[in-house]
Amino acid sequence: MNANANPQQEEPRATTRPGHVALVGSGPGGADLLTLRGAELLRRADVVITLREPAAEELSDFRGELLAHCSEDVSVVEADECGGDVNALALTRAREGRRVVRLYSGDPFFGCRGAELVAACHEAGVEAEVAPGVSAITSVPTFAGVPLMDAESPEVRVLNARIEGGVDWDEAAASDATLVVMGADAPAGEAPGHQGPGFDVLCKALVAGGRPATTPVSVVRAGGTTRQTTVTSTLARLVADLKAKDAKGHHATAPALMIVGPAAARQPDLSWYETRPLFGWRVLVPRTKEQAAALSDQLRGYGAVPEEVPTISVEPPRTPQQMERAVRGLVTGRYQWVAFTSANAVKAIRERLESYGLDARAFAGVRVAVVGEATARAVRDFGIQPDLAPPEEQQSSAGLVSVWPPYDAEIDPIERVLLPRADIATETLAAGLDKLGWDVDDVTAYRTVRAAPPPAPVREAIKGGGFDAVLFTSSSTVRNLVGIAGKPHNTTAIAVIGPETERTAIEFGLRVDVVAPKASVSALAQALSEYGSAKRREAVDAGKPVLKPSQKRRGRRRKL
């Protein structure tokens, strides 16, 4: 992608096709709310003009996720850096024959100024298209757990508090409609005439206009994002309850949406988004994006914000002769078994076979054993069904040895086992198979080296308590993370995949909070979610605010 901070200097490319302007609503704060049509328009775009709305600038960190839908050569224009009229820029690029996408938070025609761009396109004779987005007006109450319109609430009124003199609060208060108020407490720095009246003024105006002081009210800040917070109170108590919520400055306060009416009283019972077990937790996953894809998706399902930080780099063996002999042995029938203890070992063998024009048929007549869910998945992706795996509760090399049959010359035609593994792997499996009478070819399939240190902000977050949890998926991830970034802060929850990793973490002075019941990254993520749920229940039962680990008072580094 080409981030273009000075688009006026961009050279138009020669083209004869007609230009096009698309207005794409991106939702209130999550890239996964983008519509399929919006994603397709981004994929076809030559120029993308980014978000300008305050909600997007202050609270949305999904810009990169939106731009991931675009082609690599797309030109990205920052709306605040284009040096003039954004609409004029869009028209100029469209006249050059480019497909322009202008991004909006929420919906382009609801609370945004998309209508002005469409009118300008019509006047200039440029084709325009609008991909509606998920509006904050309806989606944020849903994220909070407030049903805007049901059998008991047949009418909803939407009011914009930022427009000075534009709302008759006495008339709004006199109605029985549920009120959805935008900009009741606009962020500091708004232009004159667009500053919100403040919750105190607004609550008093509604009470003066006839709404009972006991009327339920919910205020949702940063709605639809992982920083969302909801305060449900009454018109009389709202300001005091907001001050209590924000006393320690843990929460985002803008943008805010205010919902007034009986429906707001149902919010505590219907809250589903903020009550997810790891809601808003920043979780460090010490794996590459490719390795962590499924794990990160699972964590997002629990409400977490995963951040992949590789701690190891996988490289080919220094000398390829061992692997070449191993592949020849597979083809010529040298092995009775192949034992895979990691997905990286599967990948190494697969790539070597494919480099010779071979595929899974090279395993014909060979039995395959695996350790771990990820390894089994990698084997199946290659078109092979594993023949042997450890017990579910003991996914380790020792567990595989416990179920491996001893060599029997009368029924086993070949006594040799291929064991492709990392250069730093333990000897547990090889030694165990040797005791069972098997002849093991222990082959270095790949080398693991310590990854480069993460960027300085990530290192500071690790040591300073910016992460709520760290998942350790092996002993090497403990050693390498501490080596490249330092020890996690004492407030950070430490979750490990099994007893061996737990021992390593303790050796490095870390207190382990969560141990997965089995050696599986999926089980590890689930165990962390159960830990988060337990901490939430403890806080609620004690009448205390529910805080993430990173929001708690930071003390000295954790001790045993």
Protein backbone atom coordinates (compact mmCIF):
# COMPACT_ATOMS: atom_id res chain seq x y z
CA MET A 1 0.00 0.00 0.00
CA ASN A 2 1.10 3.50 -0.71
CA ALA A 3 0.29 5.85 2.19
CA ASN A 4 -0.04 9.18 0.42
CA ALA A 5 0.24 12.10 2.84
CA ASN A 6 0.39 14.68 0.00
CA PRO A 7 -2.07 13.40 -2.60
CA GLN A 8 -2.03 16.61 -4.62
CA GLN A 9 1.43 15.64 -5.93
CA GLU A 10 0.35 12.17 -7.07
CA GLU A 11 0.79 11.59 -10.79
CA PRO A 12 -2.40 10.40 -12.50
CA ARG A 13 -1.94 7.14 -14.37
CA ALA A 14 -3.01 6.83 -17.96
CA THR A 15 -6.45 5.22 -18.24
CA THR A 16 -9.58 5.49 -20.31
CA ARG A 17 -12.03 3.84 -17.93
CA PRO A 18 -14.60 6.00 -16.14
CA GLY A 19 -13.92 6.94 -12.57
CA HIS A 20 -16.11 5.96 -9.66
CA VAL A 21 -16.67 7.15 -6.08
CA ALA A 22 -17.92 4.73 -3.44
CA LEU A 23 -18.97 5.79 0.04
CA VAL A 24 -18.39 2.87 2.41
CA GLY A 25 -19.73 2.72 5.95
CA SER A 26 -17.35 0.80 8.17
CA GLY A 27 -19.45 0.34 11.30
CA PRO A 28 -19.10 1.92 14.73
CA GLY A 29 -15.73 0.46 15.68
CA GLY A 30 -15.02 -3.06 14.49
CA ALA A 31 -13.70 -4.08 11.08
CA ASP A 32 -15.73 -7.28 11.26
CA LEU A 33 -18.92 -5.19 10.90
CA LEU A 34 -17.94 -4.13 7.38
CA THR A 35 -20.51 -5.33 4.85
CA LEU A 36 -19.60 -7.75 2.06
CA ARG A 37 -20.28 -5.00 -0.48
CA GLY A 38 -18.00 -2.62 1.40
CA ALA A 39 -15.22 -5.22 1.41
CA GLU A 40 -15.61 -5.76 -2.34
CA LEU A 41 -15.42 -2.02 -3.05
CA LEU A 42 -12.23 -1.78 -0.97
CA ARG A 43 -10.77 -4.73 -2.88
CA ARG A 44 -11.35 -2.94 -6.21
CA ALA A 45 -10.27 0.52 -5.01
CA ASP A 46 -7.37 2.47 -6.52
CA VAL A 47 -7.61 5.22 -3.89
CA VAL A 48 -8.93 5.00 -0.32
CA ILE A 49 -9.66 8.13 1.71
CA THR A 50 -9.57 7.22 5.38
CA LEU A 51 -11.90 8.01 8.26
CA ARG A 52 -12.20 11.51 9.66
CA GLU A 53 -15.04 11.21 12.19
CA PRO A 54 -13.95 11.75 15.84
CA ALA A 55 -15.21 8.29 16.82
CA ALA A 56 -12.91 6.65 14.36
CA GLU A 57 -9.91 8.85 15.11
CA GLU A 58 -10.05 8.50 18.87
CA LEU A 59 -11.27 4.99 19.44
CA SER A 60 -10.93 2.77 16.38
CA ASP A 61 -7.72 0.86 15.87
CA PHE A 62 -9.15 -1.14 13.00
CA ARG A 63 -7.82 1.04 10.16
CA GLY A 64 -5.28 -1.59 9.17
CA GLU A 65 -7.91 -4.31 9.23
CA LEU A 66 -10.08 -2.31 6.84
CA LEU A 67 -7.17 -1.61 4.50
CA ALA A 68 -6.28 -5.32 4.52
CA HIS A 69 -9.16 -5.76 2.07
CA CYS A 70 -7.35 -3.55 -0.46
CA SER A 71 -4.81 -4.45 -3.13
CA GLU A 72 -1.12 -3.92 -2.42
CA ASP A 73 -0.83 -0.97 -4.80
CA VAL A 74 -3.78 1.01 -3.43
CA SER A 75 -3.11 4.67 -2.69
CA VAL A 76 -4.14 5.58 0.87
CA VAL A 77 -5.04 9.21 1.59
CA GLU A 78 -5.38 10.37 5.19
CA ALA A 79 -8.50 12.52 5.34
CA ASP A 80 -6.93 14.98 7.77
CA GLU A 81 -3.77 15.37 5.69
CA CYS A 82 -5.20 16.00 2.24
CA GLY A 83 -4.79 19.74 2.61
CA GLY A 84 -8.23 20.80 1.41
CA ASP A 85 -11.71 19.66 0.49
CA VAL A 86 -11.91 15.86 0.77
CA ASN A 87 -14.88 15.75 -1.58
CA ALA A 88 -12.97 17.74 -4.21
CA LEU A 89 -10.06 15.33 -3.92
CA ALA A 90 -12.37 12.35 -4.42
CA LEU A 91 -13.84 13.96 -7.55
CA THR A 92 -10.40 14.79 -8.93
CA ARG A 93 -9.20 11.20 -8.57
CA ALA A 94 -12.43 9.86 -10.07
CA ARG A 95 -12.06 12.15 -13.12
CA GLU A 96 -8.59 10.62 -13.62
CA GLY A 97 -10.31 7.27 -14.04
CA ARG A 98 -9.66 5.95 -10.55
CA ARG A 99 -11.97 3.96 -8.33
CA VAL A 100 -12.18 5.99 -5.12
CA VAL A 101 -13.47 4.74 -1.78
CA ARG A 102 -14.30 7.23 0.95
CA LEU A 103 -14.59 5.54 4.34
CA TYR A 104 -17.07 6.63 6.99
CA SER A 105 -17.66 5.40 10.51
CA GLY A 106 -21.17 4.08 11.00
CA ASP A 107 -23.36 4.82 7.97
CA PRO A 108 -22.47 7.50 5.39
CA PHE A 109 -26.00 8.96 5.48
CA PHE A 110 -26.70 8.71 9.22
CA GLY A 111 -24.81 11.21 11.34
CA CYS A 112 -22.12 11.59 8.63
CA ARG A 113 -21.85 13.96 5.68
CA GLY A 114 -22.00 11.44 2.89
CA ALA A 115 -24.96 13.16 1.22
CA GLU A 116 -22.74 16.14 0.37
CA LEU A 117 -20.29 13.92 -1.53
CA VAL A 118 -23.03 12.14 -3.48
CA ALA A 119 -24.55 15.51 -4.44
CA ALA A 120 -21.14 16.74 -5.59
CA CYS A 121 -20.67 13.59 -7.68
CA HIS A 122 -24.05 14.06 -9.37
CA GLU A 123 -23.24 17.69 -10.13
CA ALA A 124 -19.86 16.70 -11.60
CA GLY A 125 -21.26 13.79 -13.61
CA VAL A 126 -19.24 11.20 -11.66
CA GLU A 127 -20.77 7.85 -10.85
CA ALA A 128 -21.37 7.36 -7.13
CA GLU A 129 -22.33 4.37 -5.00
CA VAL A 130 -23.13 4.12 -1.29
CA ALA A 131 -22.45 0.93 0.69
CA PRO A 132 -24.54 1.44 3.85
CA GLY A 133 -22.78 0.73 7.11
CA VAL A 134 -23.87 -0.42 10.55
CA SER A 135 -25.02 2.75 12.27
CA ALA A 136 -23.94 3.50 15.83
CA ILE A 137 -27.51 4.63 16.57
CA THR A 138 -28.88 1.10 16.44
CA SER A 139 -25.77 -1.04 16.92
CA VAL A 140 -24.27 0.61 20.02
CA PRO A 141 -27.43 0.07 22.13
CA THR A 142 -27.42 -3.54 20.92
CA PHE A 143 -23.77 -3.95 21.94
CA ALA A 144 -24.71 -2.53 25.35
CA GLY A 145 -27.77 -4.77 25.77
CA VAL A 146 -30.52 -2.13 25.40
CA PRO A 147 -33.48 -3.14 23.19
CA LEU A 148 -34.50 0.11 21.51
CA MET A 149 -37.85 -0.97 20.12
CA ASP A 150 -40.04 -3.76 21.42
CA ALA A 151 -43.65 -4.25 22.51
CA GLU A 152 -43.17 -1.88 25.44
CA SER A 153 -41.20 0.75 23.50
CA PRO A 154 -43.01 1.42 20.21
CA GLU A 155 -41.27 4.71 19.43
CA VAL A 156 -37.64 5.81 19.27
CA ARG A 157 -36.41 9.36 18.76
CA VAL A 158 -32.84 10.17 17.72
CA LEU A 159 -31.45 13.53 18.86
CA ASN A 160 -28.14 15.25 18.12
CA ALA A 161 -27.07 17.23 21.18
CA ARG A 162 -24.13 18.80 19.33
CA ILE A 163 -26.37 20.99 17.18
CA GLU A 164 -26.86 24.16 19.19
CA GLY A 165 -30.52 25.15 19.35
CA GLY A 166 -31.48 22.15 17.21
CA VAL A 167 -33.28 20.15 19.91
CA ASP A 168 -36.39 21.12 21.86
CA TRP A 169 -35.59 19.28 25.08
CA ASP A 170 -38.93 20.18 26.68
CA GLU A 171 -40.79 18.64 23.76
CA ALA A 172 -38.53 15.55 23.76
CA ALA A 173 -38.99 15.10 27.51
CA ALA A 174 -42.77 15.34 27.20
CA SER A 175 -42.94 12.42 24.76
CA ASP A 176 -43.04 8.77 25.81
CA ALA A 177 -40.50 7.75 23.18
CA THR A 178 -37.17 6.14 23.97
CA LEU A 179 -34.55 8.83 23.38
CA VAL A 180 -31.21 8.08 21.73
CA VAL A 181 -28.97 11.11 22.19
CA MET A 182 -25.80 11.60 20.14
CA GLY A 183 -23.03 13.85 21.46
CA ALA A 184 -24.50 14.48 24.89
CA ASP A 185 -20.96 14.88 26.16
CA ALA A 186 -18.89 15.66 23.06
CA PRO A 187 -15.08 15.30 23.30
CA ALA A 188 -13.12 18.35 24.39
CA GLY A 189 -11.95 20.47 21.50
CA GLU A 190 -15.15 20.36 19.46
CA ALA A 191 -15.81 23.42 17.37
CA PRO A 192 -18.03 26.12 18.92
CA GLY A 193 -21.66 25.23 18.44
CA HIS A 194 -20.89 21.53 18.31
CA GLN A 195 -19.94 20.96 21.94
CA GLY A 196 -22.33 18.66 23.81
CA PRO A 197 -24.34 20.21 26.66
CA GLY A 198 -22.90 17.78 29.20
CA PHE A 199 -24.78 15.04 30.99
CA ASP A 200 -25.56 17.25 33.97
CA VAL A 201 -27.31 19.91 31.87
CA LEU A 202 -29.08 17.35 29.72
CA CYS A 203 -30.44 15.32 32.65
CA LYS A 204 -31.73 18.47 34.35
CA ALA A 205 -33.37 19.64 31.09
CA LEU A 206 -35.20 16.34 30.64
CA VAL A 207 -36.40 16.31 34.25
CA ALA A 208 -37.52 19.95 33.94
CA GLY A 209 -39.39 19.00 30.78
CA GLY A 210 -41.42 16.32 32.53
CA ARG A 211 -39.40 13.11 32.56
CA PRO A 212 -39.37 11.60 36.06
CA ALA A 213 -36.02 11.77 37.84
CA THR A 214 -36.24 7.98 38.22
CA THR A 215 -36.30 7.44 34.44
CA PRO A 216 -33.72 4.75 33.51
CA VAL A 217 -30.81 5.95 31.42
CA SER A 218 -27.77 4.22 29.93
CA VAL A 219 -24.62 5.91 28.67
CA VAL A 220 -22.46 3.83 26.34
CA ARG A 221 -18.94 5.05 25.60
CA ALA A 222 -16.70 3.72 22.81
CA GLY A 223 -19.60 1.55 21.70
CA GLY A 224 -18.83 -1.47 19.56
CA THR A 225 -15.13 -1.46 20.45
CA THR A 226 -13.21 -3.52 23.00
CA ARG A 227 -13.03 -0.35 25.12
CA GLN A 228 -16.79 -0.09 25.46
CA THR A 229 -18.19 0.76 28.89
CA THR A 230 -21.82 1.17 29.86
CA VAL A 231 -23.20 3.00 32.89
CA THR A 232 -26.89 2.42 33.64
CA SER A 233 -28.53 4.70 36.15
CA THR A 234 -31.39 7.21 36.38
CA LEU A 235 -31.64 10.83 35.32
CA ALA A 236 -31.15 11.86 38.94
CA ARG A 237 -28.12 9.65 39.62
CA LEU A 238 -26.36 9.49 36.25
CA VAL A 239 -23.74 12.19 36.75
CA ALA A 240 -22.67 10.81 40.15
CA ASP A 241 -22.50 7.26 38.78
CA LEU A 242 -20.40 8.39 35.81
CA LYS A 243 -17.96 10.15 38.14
CA ALA A 244 -17.65 7.01 40.26
CA LYS A 245 -17.05 4.90 37.15
CA ASP A 246 -14.37 7.24 35.84
CA ALA A 247 -12.69 8.02 39.17
CA LYS A 248 -9.43 6.26 38.32
CA GLY A 249 -9.39 7.14 34.64
CA HIS A 250 -9.49 3.52 33.47
CA HIS A 251 -12.14 4.03 30.81
CA ALA A 252 -12.64 5.80 27.51
CA THR A 253 -15.24 8.56 27.83
CA ALA A 254 -15.99 9.37 24.18
CA PRO A 255 -17.79 9.04 21.93
CA ALA A 256 -20.84 8.67 24.14
CA LEU A 257 -24.37 7.60 23.26
CA MET A 258 -27.15 8.20 25.76
CA ILE A 259 -30.34 6.13 25.87
CA VAL A 260 -33.25 7.42 27.95
CA GLY A 261 -36.35 5.36 28.70
CA PRO A 262 -37.64 2.16 30.30
CA ALA A 263 -35.64 -0.02 27.88
CA ALA A 264 -32.41 1.14 29.55
CA ALA A 265 -33.48 -0.61 32.77
CA ARG A 266 -33.05 -3.96 31.01
CA GLN A 267 -29.38 -3.32 30.19
CA PRO A 268 -27.81 -5.09 33.20
CA ASP A 269 -29.78 -8.25 32.48
CA LEU A 270 -29.20 -8.21 28.72
CA SER A 271 -25.53 -7.19 28.70
CA TRP A 272 -23.73 -9.72 26.49
CA TYR A 273 -20.75 -7.92 24.97
CA GLU A 274 -18.95 -6.40 27.96
CA THR A 275 -19.59 -9.53 30.05
CA ARG A 276 -17.54 -11.84 27.84
CA PRO A 277 -14.87 -13.52 29.96
CA LEU A 278 -11.84 -11.68 28.54
CA PHE A 279 -13.56 -8.53 27.35
CA GLY A 280 -10.99 -5.94 26.36
CA TRP A 281 -8.04 -7.98 27.63
CA ARG A 282 -4.86 -7.36 25.70
CA VAL A 283 -3.34 -10.84 25.39
CA LEU A 284 0.18 -11.51 24.18
CA VAL A 285 0.45 -14.61 22.01
CA PRO A 286 4.13 -15.57 21.54
CA ARG A 287 3.66 -17.06 18.08
CA THR A 288 3.73 -15.90 14.46
CA LYS A 289 0.49 -14.80 12.80
CA GLU A 290 0.42 -18.03 10.79
CA GLN A 291 0.81 -20.19 13.90
CA ALA A 292 -1.54 -18.10 16.02
CA ALA A 293 -4.45 -17.68 13.60
CA ALA A 294 -6.81 -20.19 15.22
CA LEU A 295 -5.72 -19.26 18.75
CA SER A 296 -6.22 -15.54 18.11
CA ASP A 297 -9.67 -16.17 16.64
CA GLN A 298 -10.62 -18.15 19.75
CA LEU A 299 -9.38 -15.36 22.03
CA ARG A 300 -11.38 -12.78 20.07
CA GLY A 301 -14.45 -14.93 20.66
CA TYR A 302 -13.87 -14.45 24.39
CA GLY A 303 -13.65 -10.67 23.88
CA ALA A 304 -9.86 -10.40 24.03
CA VAL A 305 -7.53 -8.37 21.83
CA PRO A 306 -4.74 -10.80 20.85
CA GLU A 307 -1.34 -9.50 19.81
CA GLU A 308 1.07 -11.91 18.15
CA VAL A 309 4.71 -11.51 19.15
CA PRO A 310 7.01 -14.18 17.64
CA THR A 311 9.64 -15.44 20.07
CA ILE A 312 11.31 -17.97 17.79
CA SER A 313 12.27 -18.05 14.15
CA VAL A 314 12.20 -21.35 12.27
CA GLU A 315 15.11 -21.93 9.90
CA PRO A 316 16.28 -24.87 7.77
CA PRO A 317 18.95 -27.23 9.18
CA ARG A 318 22.51 -26.12 8.57
CA THR A 319 23.23 -29.24 6.50
CA PRO A 320 20.46 -30.77 4.36
CA GLN A 321 21.93 -34.26 3.98
CA GLN A 322 19.97 -35.80 6.87
CA MET A 323 16.65 -34.58 5.50
CA GLU A 324 17.51 -35.74 2.00
CA ARG A 325 18.25 -39.25 3.29
CA ALA A 326 15.03 -39.21 5.31
CA VAL A 327 12.92 -38.36 2.25
CA ARG A 328 14.64 -41.04 0.20
CA GLY A 329 13.94 -43.48 3.04
CA LEU A 330 10.24 -42.63 2.97
CA VAL A 331 10.05 -43.28 -0.76
CA THR A 332 12.07 -46.52 -0.65
CA GLY A 333 10.21 -48.06 2.30
CA ARG A 334 12.93 -47.68 4.93
CA TYR A 335 10.50 -46.71 7.72
CA GLN A 336 7.65 -48.44 9.52
CA TRP A 337 6.70 -45.27 11.41
CA VAL A 338 7.09 -41.48 11.20
CA ALA A 339 6.58 -39.58 14.45
CA PHE A 340 5.72 -35.87 14.26
CA THR A 341 5.93 -33.83 17.46
CA SER A 342 5.25 -30.38 15.97
CA ALA A 343 3.51 -28.72 13.05
CA ASN A 344 6.88 -27.27 12.02
CA ALA A 345 8.25 -30.79 11.56
CA VAL A 346 5.29 -31.67 9.34
CA LYS A 347 5.87 -28.51 7.33
CA ALA A 348 9.59 -29.27 6.92
CA ILE A 349 8.98 -32.79 5.61
CA ARG A 350 6.14 -31.65 3.37
CA GLU A 351 8.18 -28.87 1.80
CA ARG A 352 11.10 -31.23 1.21
CA LEU A 353 8.83 -33.79 -0.48
CA GLU A 354 7.15 -31.17 -2.63
CA SER A 355 10.53 -29.80 -3.72
CA TYR A 356 11.11 -33.23 -5.29
CA GLY A 357 7.67 -33.26 -6.91
CA LEU A 358 6.28 -35.71 -4.32
CA ASP A 359 3.15 -35.59 -2.22
CA ALA A 360 1.42 -37.50 0.57
CA ARG A 361 1.57 -40.72 -1.45
CA ALA A 362 5.19 -40.98 -0.32
CA PHE A 363 3.74 -42.12 3.04
CA ALA A 364 2.08 -45.18 1.49
CA GLY A 365 2.63 -48.11 3.85
CA VAL A 366 4.06 -45.89 6.60
CA ARG A 367 2.24 -45.40 9.90
CA VAL A 368 2.11 -41.86 11.29
CA ALA A 369 2.13 -40.80 14.96
CA VAL A 370 1.51 -37.25 16.19
CA VAL A 371 1.73 -35.19 19.38
CA GLY A 372 -0.69 -32.28 19.81
CA GLU A 373 -3.77 -30.96 18.06
CA ALA A 374 -1.85 -28.55 15.83
CA THR A 375 0.45 -31.33 14.64
CA ALA A 376 -2.49 -33.62 13.90
CA ARG A 377 -4.19 -30.82 11.98
CA ALA A 378 -1.06 -30.21 9.89
CA VAL A 379 -0.83 -33.93 9.07
CA ARG A 380 -4.48 -34.06 8.02
CA ASP A 381 -4.04 -30.92 5.91
CA PHE A 382 -1.38 -32.88 4.02
CA GLY A 383 -3.95 -35.58 3.30
CA ILE A 384 -2.80 -38.11 5.93
CA GLN A 385 -4.86 -39.55 8.78
CA PRO A 386 -2.72 -40.08 11.93
CA ASP A 387 -2.52 -43.67 13.19
CA LEU A 388 -1.40 -42.97 16.75
CA ALA A 389 -1.63 -40.11 19.27
CA PRO A 390 -1.08 -39.78 23.03
CA PRO A 391 -3.98 -39.82 25.47
CA GLU A 392 -5.94 -36.57 25.35
CA GLU A 393 -4.85 -35.63 28.86
CA GLN A 394 -1.14 -36.28 28.12
CA GLN A 395 -0.29 -34.64 24.81
CA SER A 396 3.48 -34.94 25.08
CA SER A 397 6.37 -37.10 23.93
CA ALA A 398 6.10 -39.11 27.14
CA GLY A 399 2.41 -39.60 26.46
CA LEU A 400 3.15 -40.90 22.97
CA VAL A 401 5.71 -43.36 24.35
CA SER A 402 3.08 -44.64 26.78
CA VAL A 403 0.84 -45.84 23.95
CA TRP A 404 3.51 -46.80 21.40
CA PRO A 405 3.58 -50.58 20.74
CA PRO A 406 6.88 -52.40 21.35
CA TYR A 407 8.73 -53.71 18.33
CA ASP A 408 7.74 -57.29 17.46
CA ALA A 409 9.87 -58.94 14.78
CA GLU A 410 7.07 -61.38 13.93
CA ILE A 411 4.47 -58.74 13.06
CA ASP A 412 6.53 -55.62 12.26
CA PRO A 413 8.17 -55.90 8.83
CA ILE A 414 10.49 -52.94 9.52
CA GLU A 415 11.98 -51.84 12.83
CA ARG A 416 12.94 -48.28 11.87
CA VAL A 417 11.19 -45.03 12.95
CA LEU A 418 11.75 -41.58 11.41
CA LEU A 419 11.69 -38.79 14.00
CA PRO A 420 11.99 -35.34 12.31
CA ARG A 421 12.21 -32.63 14.94
CA ALA A 422 13.75 -29.36 16.05
CA ASP A 423 17.42 -29.11 16.84
CA ILE A 424 16.63 -28.26 20.49
CA ALA A 425 13.94 -30.91 21.09
CA THR A 426 14.23 -33.20 24.10
CA GLU A 427 15.37 -36.83 23.89
CA THR A 428 12.26 -38.21 25.60
CA LEU A 429 10.63 -39.74 22.53
CA ALA A 430 13.79 -41.12 20.94
CA ALA A 431 14.91 -42.68 24.22
CA GLY A 432 11.48 -44.15 24.88
CA LEU A 433 11.22 -45.75 21.44
CA ASP A 434 14.71 -47.15 21.78
CA LYS A 435 13.66 -48.92 24.99
CA LEU A 436 10.69 -50.39 23.12
CA GLY A 437 13.05 -51.98 20.64
CA TRP A 438 12.71 -49.57 17.75
CA ASP A 439 15.61 -48.21 15.70
CA VAL A 440 15.17 -44.43 15.56
CA ASP A 441 16.47 -42.08 12.86
CA ASP A 442 16.56 -38.84 14.86
CA VAL A 443 16.70 -36.15 12.14
CA THR A 444 17.01 -32.38 12.53
CA ALA A 445 14.18 -31.12 10.33
CA TYR A 446 14.46 -27.47 11.31
CA ARG A 447 16.32 -25.14 13.65
CA THR A 448 14.71 -22.78 16.12
CA VAL A 449 16.48 -19.53 16.83
CA ARG A 450 15.47 -16.65 19.02
CA ALA A 451 13.42 -14.07 17.17
CA ALA A 452 14.37 -10.41 16.97
CA PRO A 453 13.12 -8.25 19.86
CA PRO A 454 9.66 -6.75 19.35
CA PRO A 455 9.27 -2.98 18.89
CA ALA A 456 10.02 -0.78 21.90
CA PRO A 457 6.34 -0.03 22.71
CA VAL A 458 5.62 -3.77 22.93
CA ARG A 459 8.63 -4.37 25.18
CA GLU A 460 7.54 -1.52 27.43
CA ALA A 461 4.00 -2.92 27.58
CA ILE A 462 5.32 -6.36 28.54
CA LYS A 463 7.50 -5.05 31.36
CA GLY A 464 5.19 -2.23 32.41
CA GLY A 465 1.91 -4.13 32.74
CA GLY A 466 0.32 -3.05 29.47
CA PHE A 467 -0.72 -6.63 28.70
CA ASP A 468 -3.47 -8.30 30.69
CA ALA A 469 -2.25 -11.83 30.00
CA VAL A 470 0.57 -13.74 28.33
CA LEU A 471 0.08 -17.22 26.89
CA PHE A 472 3.13 -19.48 26.97
CA THR A 473 2.78 -22.43 24.60
CA SER A 474 6.15 -24.07 25.37
CA SER A 475 9.19 -23.75 27.58
CA SER A 476 11.09 -22.15 24.73
CA THR A 477 8.52 -19.36 24.45
CA VAL A 478 9.15 -18.54 28.13
CA ARG A 479 12.92 -18.45 27.70
CA ASN A 480 12.82 -16.52 24.46
CA LEU A 481 10.22 -13.93 25.47
CA VAL A 482 12.13 -13.10 28.64
CA GLY A 483 15.31 -12.99 26.58
CA ILE A 484 14.06 -10.60 23.91
CA ALA A 485 11.61 -8.47 25.91
CA GLY A 486 12.04 -9.04 29.66
CA LYS A 487 9.75 -10.50 32.32
CA PRO A 488 6.03 -9.76 32.19
CA HIS A 489 4.86 -7.36 34.91
CA ASN A 490 3.45 -8.71 38.16
CA THR A 491 -0.10 -7.61 37.27
CA THR A 492 -0.10 -9.66 34.06
CA ALA A 493 -1.84 -13.03 34.19
CA ILE A 494 0.50 -15.87 33.16
CA ALA A 495 -1.08 -18.85 31.40
CA VAL A 496 0.93 -21.93 30.37
CA ILE A 497 0.18 -24.96 28.26
CA GLY A 498 1.32 -27.66 30.69
CA PRO A 499 3.44 -28.71 33.68
CA GLU A 500 6.78 -28.57 31.84
CA THR A 501 6.13 -25.01 30.68
CA GLU A 502 4.92 -24.15 34.18
CA ARG A 503 8.22 -25.35 35.66
CA THR A 504 10.18 -23.21 33.22
CA ALA A 505 8.07 -20.14 34.02
CA ILE A 506 8.65 -20.65 37.74
CA GLU A 507 12.39 -21.01 37.13
CA PHE A 508 12.29 -17.54 35.56
CA GLY A 509 10.56 -16.09 38.60
CA LEU A 510 7.04 -15.94 37.20
CA ARG A 511 3.98 -16.87 39.23
CA VAL A 512 1.72 -19.00 37.03
CA ASP A 513 -2.00 -18.20 37.21
CA VAL A 514 -3.40 -20.64 34.66
CA VAL A 515 -2.31 -24.13 33.57
CA ALA A 516 -4.15 -25.73 30.66
CA PRO A 517 -5.74 -29.09 31.57
CA LYS A 518 -4.17 -30.62 28.46
CA ALA A 519 -1.36 -29.69 26.08
CA SER A 520 -3.49 -27.84 23.57
CA VAL A 521 -3.52 -24.16 22.62
CA SER A 522 -7.29 -24.34 22.41
CA ALA A 523 -7.48 -25.71 25.95
CA LEU A 524 -5.04 -23.00 27.06
CA ALA A 525 -7.24 -20.22 25.68
CA GLN A 526 -10.32 -21.77 27.26
CA ALA A 527 -8.56 -22.07 30.62
CA LEU A 528 -7.64 -18.38 30.46
CA SER A 529 -11.26 -17.49 29.68
CA GLU A 530 -12.42 -19.47 32.71
CA TYR A 531 -9.86 -17.59 34.82
CA GLY A 532 -11.21 -14.28 33.48
CA SER A 533 -14.79 -15.35 34.26
CA ALA A 534 -13.83 -16.30 37.81
CA LYS A 535 -12.14 -12.93 38.39
CA ARG A 536 -15.22 -11.14 37.05
CA ARG A 537 -17.50 -13.09 39.40
CA GLU A 538 -15.25 -12.33 42.37
CA ALA A 539 -15.42 -8.60 41.65
CA VAL A 540 -19.19 -8.59 41.10
CA ASP A 541 -19.86 -10.66 44.24
CA ALA A 542 -17.67 -8.29 46.27
CA GLY A 543 -19.43 -5.23 44.86
CA LYS A 544 -16.21 -3.98 43.29
CA PRO A 545 -15.65 -2.67 39.75
CA VAL A 546 -14.63 -5.25 37.18
CA LEU A 547 -11.09 -4.35 36.19
CA LYS A 548 -8.69 -5.92 33.76
CA PRO A 549 -5.29 -6.96 35.16
CA SER A 550 -3.64 -4.00 33.44
CA GLN A 551 -5.99 -1.60 35.24
CA LYS A 552 -5.02 -2.75 38.72
CA ARG A 553 -2.45 -0.98 40.89
CA ARG A 554 1.00 -1.77 39.65
CA GLY A 555 3.51 -2.91 42.22
CA ARG A 556 6.76 -4.78 42.22
CA ARG A 557 7.50 -7.59 39.82
CA ARG A 558 5.68 -10.79 40.71
CA LYS A 559 7.24 -13.15 43.22
CA LEU A 560 6.64 -16.79 44.01
